[in-house]
Amino acid sequence: MEEDKRISYFCLGLGIGVTVGILFAPKAGDETRQLLRSKADEGKDYVKRKSEELKDSAAELKDKGKLALQRQKEQLAAAVDAGRQAYKESVASDASDEART
C-alpha cells in the first residue's frame, strides 16, 4: 500500500514537472531542437578533437617506448660484447700462465 502511494506521488510530480517545463520553456520547439542539434554537434567536435589528441599522445608514447627499447638493446649488446671480451682476455691470460709453467 505504501509503495502504491510512492509510485502515484512520483507520477504526479513527474506530470507537474513536465507541465511546468512546457509552460515556461524559454524557446519554441524548432528553436529548442536547433539548439540541441548545435550542442550535439559541439559535443561531437569536442570528442573528435579529444580523440585526435589522445591518438597523437599515444603515438608519441609509442615512439618514446621504441627509443627506450632500442637503447636497452644497445646497452645489452654492449654488455654482452664486454663479457665476451673479458672472457677472451681471461682465457688468453690463463693460456699464457700455463705456458709459463
C-alpha atoms as a PDB file:
ATOM      1  CA  MET A   1       0.000   0.000   0.000  1.00  0.00           C
ATOM      2  CA  GLU A   2       2.822   2.386   0.960  1.00  0.00           C
ATOM      3  CA  GLU A   3       4.625   1.605  -2.295  1.00  0.00           C
ATOM      4  CA  ASP A   4       1.488   2.391  -4.330  1.00  0.00           C
ATOM      5  CA  LYS A   5       1.416   5.866  -2.773  1.00  0.00           C
ATOM      6  CA  ARG A   6       5.061   6.441  -3.621  1.00  0.00           C
ATOM      7  CA  ILE A   7       4.517   5.495  -7.246  1.00  0.00           C
ATOM      8  CA  SER A   8       1.444   7.694  -7.559  1.00  0.00           C
ATOM      9  CA  TYR A   9       3.245  10.652  -5.931  1.00  0.00           C
ATOM     10  CA  PHE A  10       6.170  10.122  -8.283  1.00  0.00           C
ATOM     11  CA  CYS A  11       3.872  10.097 -11.331  1.00  0.00           C
ATOM     12  CA  LEU A  12       2.055  13.196 -10.050  1.00  0.00           C
ATOM     13  CA  GLY A  13       5.365  15.027  -9.542  1.00  0.00           C
ATOM     14  CA  LEU A  14       6.589  13.957 -12.953  1.00  0.00           C
ATOM     15  CA  GLY A  15       3.414  15.219 -14.606  1.00  0.00           C
ATOM     16  CA  ILE A  16       3.582  18.545 -12.785  1.00  0.00           C
ATOM     17  CA  GLY A  17       7.290  18.917 -13.736  1.00  0.00           C
ATOM     18  CA  VAL A  18       6.621  18.257 -17.400  1.00  0.00           C
ATOM     19  CA  THR A  19       3.657  20.664 -17.425  1.00  0.00           C
ATOM     20  CA  VAL A  20       5.641  23.449 -15.764  1.00  0.00           C
ATOM     21  CA  GLY A  21       8.573  22.802 -18.111  1.00  0.00           C
ATOM     22  CA  ILE A  22       6.362  23.127 -21.168  1.00  0.00           C
ATOM     23  CA  LEU A  23       4.620  26.276 -19.888  1.00  0.00           C
ATOM     24  CA  PHE A  24       7.852  28.036 -19.012  1.00  0.00           C
ATOM     25  CA  ALA A  25      10.021  26.802 -21.878  1.00  0.00           C
ATOM     26  CA  PRO A  26      12.207  29.720 -22.999  1.00  0.00           C
ATOM     27  CA  LYS A  27      12.119  28.805 -26.687  1.00  0.00           C
ATOM     28  CA  ALA A  28       9.774  27.306 -29.236  1.00  0.00           C
ATOM     29  CA  GLY A  29      10.102  23.692 -30.313  1.00  0.00           C
ATOM     30  CA  ASP A  30      12.030  24.445 -33.513  1.00  0.00           C
ATOM     31  CA  GLU A  31      14.458  26.688 -31.662  1.00  0.00           C
ATOM     32  CA  THR A  32      14.945  24.085 -28.942  1.00  0.00           C
ATOM     33  CA  ARG A  33      15.614  21.340 -31.483  1.00  0.00           C
ATOM     34  CA  GLN A  34      18.096  23.575 -33.296  1.00  0.00           C
ATOM     35  CA  LEU A  35      19.812  24.385 -30.000  1.00  0.00           C
ATOM     36  CA  LEU A  36      20.005  20.693 -29.112  1.00  0.00           C
ATOM     37  CA  ARG A  37      21.372  19.887 -32.578  1.00  0.00           C
ATOM     38  CA  SER A  38      24.061  22.565 -32.307  1.00  0.00           C
ATOM     39  CA  LYS A  39      25.050  21.383 -28.827  1.00  0.00           C
ATOM     40  CA  ALA A  40      25.238  17.798 -30.108  1.00  0.00           C
ATOM     41  CA  ASP A  41      27.493  18.966 -32.955  1.00  0.00           C
ATOM     42  CA  GLU A  42      29.693  20.812 -30.452  1.00  0.00           C
ATOM     43  CA  GLY A  43      29.890  17.663 -28.372  1.00  0.00           C
ATOM     44  CA  LYS A  44      30.798  15.603 -31.422  1.00  0.00           C
ATOM     45  CA  ASP A  45      33.532  18.084 -32.360  1.00  0.00           C
ATOM     46  CA  TYR A  46      34.863  18.022 -28.797  1.00  0.00           C
ATOM     47  CA  VAL A  47      35.023  14.232 -28.758  1.00  0.00           C
ATOM     48  CA  LYS A  48      36.694  14.214 -32.171  1.00  0.00           C
ATOM     49  CA  ARG A  49      39.271  16.777 -31.022  1.00  0.00           C
ATOM     50  CA  LYS A  50      39.994  14.861 -27.818  1.00  0.00           C
ATOM     51  CA  SER A  51      40.325  11.562 -29.686  1.00  0.00           C
ATOM     52  CA  GLU A  52      42.860  13.169 -32.041  1.00  0.00           C
ATOM     53  CA  GLU A  53      44.800  14.477 -29.041  1.00  0.00           C
ATOM     54  CA  LEU A  54      44.766  11.025 -27.450  1.00  0.00           C
ATOM     55  CA  LYS A  55      45.841   9.451 -30.719  1.00  0.00           C
ATOM     56  CA  ASP A  56      48.770  11.874 -31.011  1.00  0.00           C
ATOM     57  CA  SER A  57      49.695  11.286 -27.387  1.00  0.00           C
ATOM     58  CA  ALA A  58      49.602   7.521 -27.868  1.00  0.00           C
ATOM     59  CA  ALA A  59      51.792   7.785 -30.970  1.00  0.00           C
ATOM     60  CA  GLU A  60      54.258   9.905 -29.007  1.00  0.00           C
ATOM     61  CA  LEU A  61      54.364   7.360 -26.183  1.00  0.00           C
ATOM     62  CA  LYS A  62      54.828   4.561 -28.691  1.00  0.00           C
ATOM     63  CA  ASP A  63      57.807   6.340 -30.245  1.00  0.00           C
ATOM     64  CA  LYS A  64      59.342   7.006 -26.820  1.00  0.00           C
ATOM     65  CA  GLY A  65      58.881   3.342 -25.946  1.00  0.00           C
ATOM     66  CA  LYS A  66      60.589   2.249 -29.161  1.00  0.00           C
ATOM     67  CA  LEU A  67      63.533   4.546 -28.452  1.00  0.00           C
ATOM     68  CA  ALA A  68      63.848   3.254 -24.888  1.00  0.00           C
ATOM     69  CA  LEU A  69      63.721  -0.332 -26.119  1.00  0.00           C
ATOM     70  CA  GLN A  70      66.373   0.400 -28.739  1.00  0.00           C
ATOM     71  CA  ARG A  71      68.646   1.931 -26.090  1.00  0.00           C
ATOM     72  CA  GLN A  72      68.162  -1.107 -23.862  1.00  0.00           C
ATOM     73  CA  LYS A  73      69.040  -3.426 -26.761  1.00  0.00           C
ATOM     74  CA  GLU A  74      72.179  -1.428 -27.471  1.00  0.00           C
ATOM     75  CA  GLN A  75      73.200  -1.489 -23.815  1.00  0.00           C
ATOM     76  CA  LEU A  76      72.589  -5.223 -23.618  1.00  0.00           C
ATOM     77  CA  ALA A  77      74.607  -5.821 -26.779  1.00  0.00           C
ATOM     78  CA  ALA A  78      77.455  -3.714 -25.378  1.00  0.00           C
ATOM     79  CA  ALA A  79      77.349  -5.658 -22.102  1.00  0.00           C
ATOM     80  CA  VAL A  80      77.433  -8.981 -23.967  1.00  0.00           C
ATOM     81  CA  ASP A  81      80.368  -7.788 -26.086  1.00  0.00           C
ATOM     82  CA  ALA A  82      82.201  -6.627 -22.954  1.00  0.00           C
ATOM     83  CA  GLY A  83      81.551 -10.016 -21.339  1.00  0.00           C
ATOM     84  CA  ARG A  84      82.886 -11.849 -24.395  1.00  0.00           C
ATOM     85  CA  GLN A  85      85.955  -9.632 -24.447  1.00  0.00           C
ATOM     86  CA  ALA A  86      86.576 -10.214 -20.742  1.00  0.00           C
ATOM     87  CA  TYR A  87      86.179 -13.958 -21.262  1.00  0.00           C
ATOM     88  CA  LYS A  88      88.641 -13.950 -24.182  1.00  0.00           C
ATOM     89  CA  GLU A  89      91.136 -11.968 -22.119  1.00  0.00           C
ATOM     90  CA  SER A  90      90.704 -14.356 -19.197  1.00  0.00           C
ATOM     91  CA  VAL A  91      91.206 -17.404 -21.414  1.00  0.00           C
ATOM     92  CA  ALA A  92      94.242 -15.811 -23.048  1.00  0.00           C
ATOM     93  CA  SER A  93      95.645 -14.921 -19.627  1.00  0.00           C
ATOM     94  CA  ASP A  94      95.136 -18.468 -18.366  1.00  0.00           C
ATOM     95  CA  ALA A  95      96.786 -19.867 -21.506  1.00  0.00           C
ATOM     96  CA  SER A  96      99.793 -17.632 -21.077  1.00  0.00           C
ATOM     97  CA  ASP A  97     100.045 -18.555 -17.379  1.00  0.00           C
ATOM     98  CA  GLU A  98     100.029 -22.258 -18.276  1.00  0.00           C
ATOM     99  CA  ALA A  99     102.660 -21.716 -20.945  1.00  0.00           C
ATOM    100  CA  ARG A 100     104.985 -20.114 -18.367  1.00  0.00           C
ATOM    101  CA  THR A 101     104.786 -23.065 -16.042  1.00  0.00           C
END
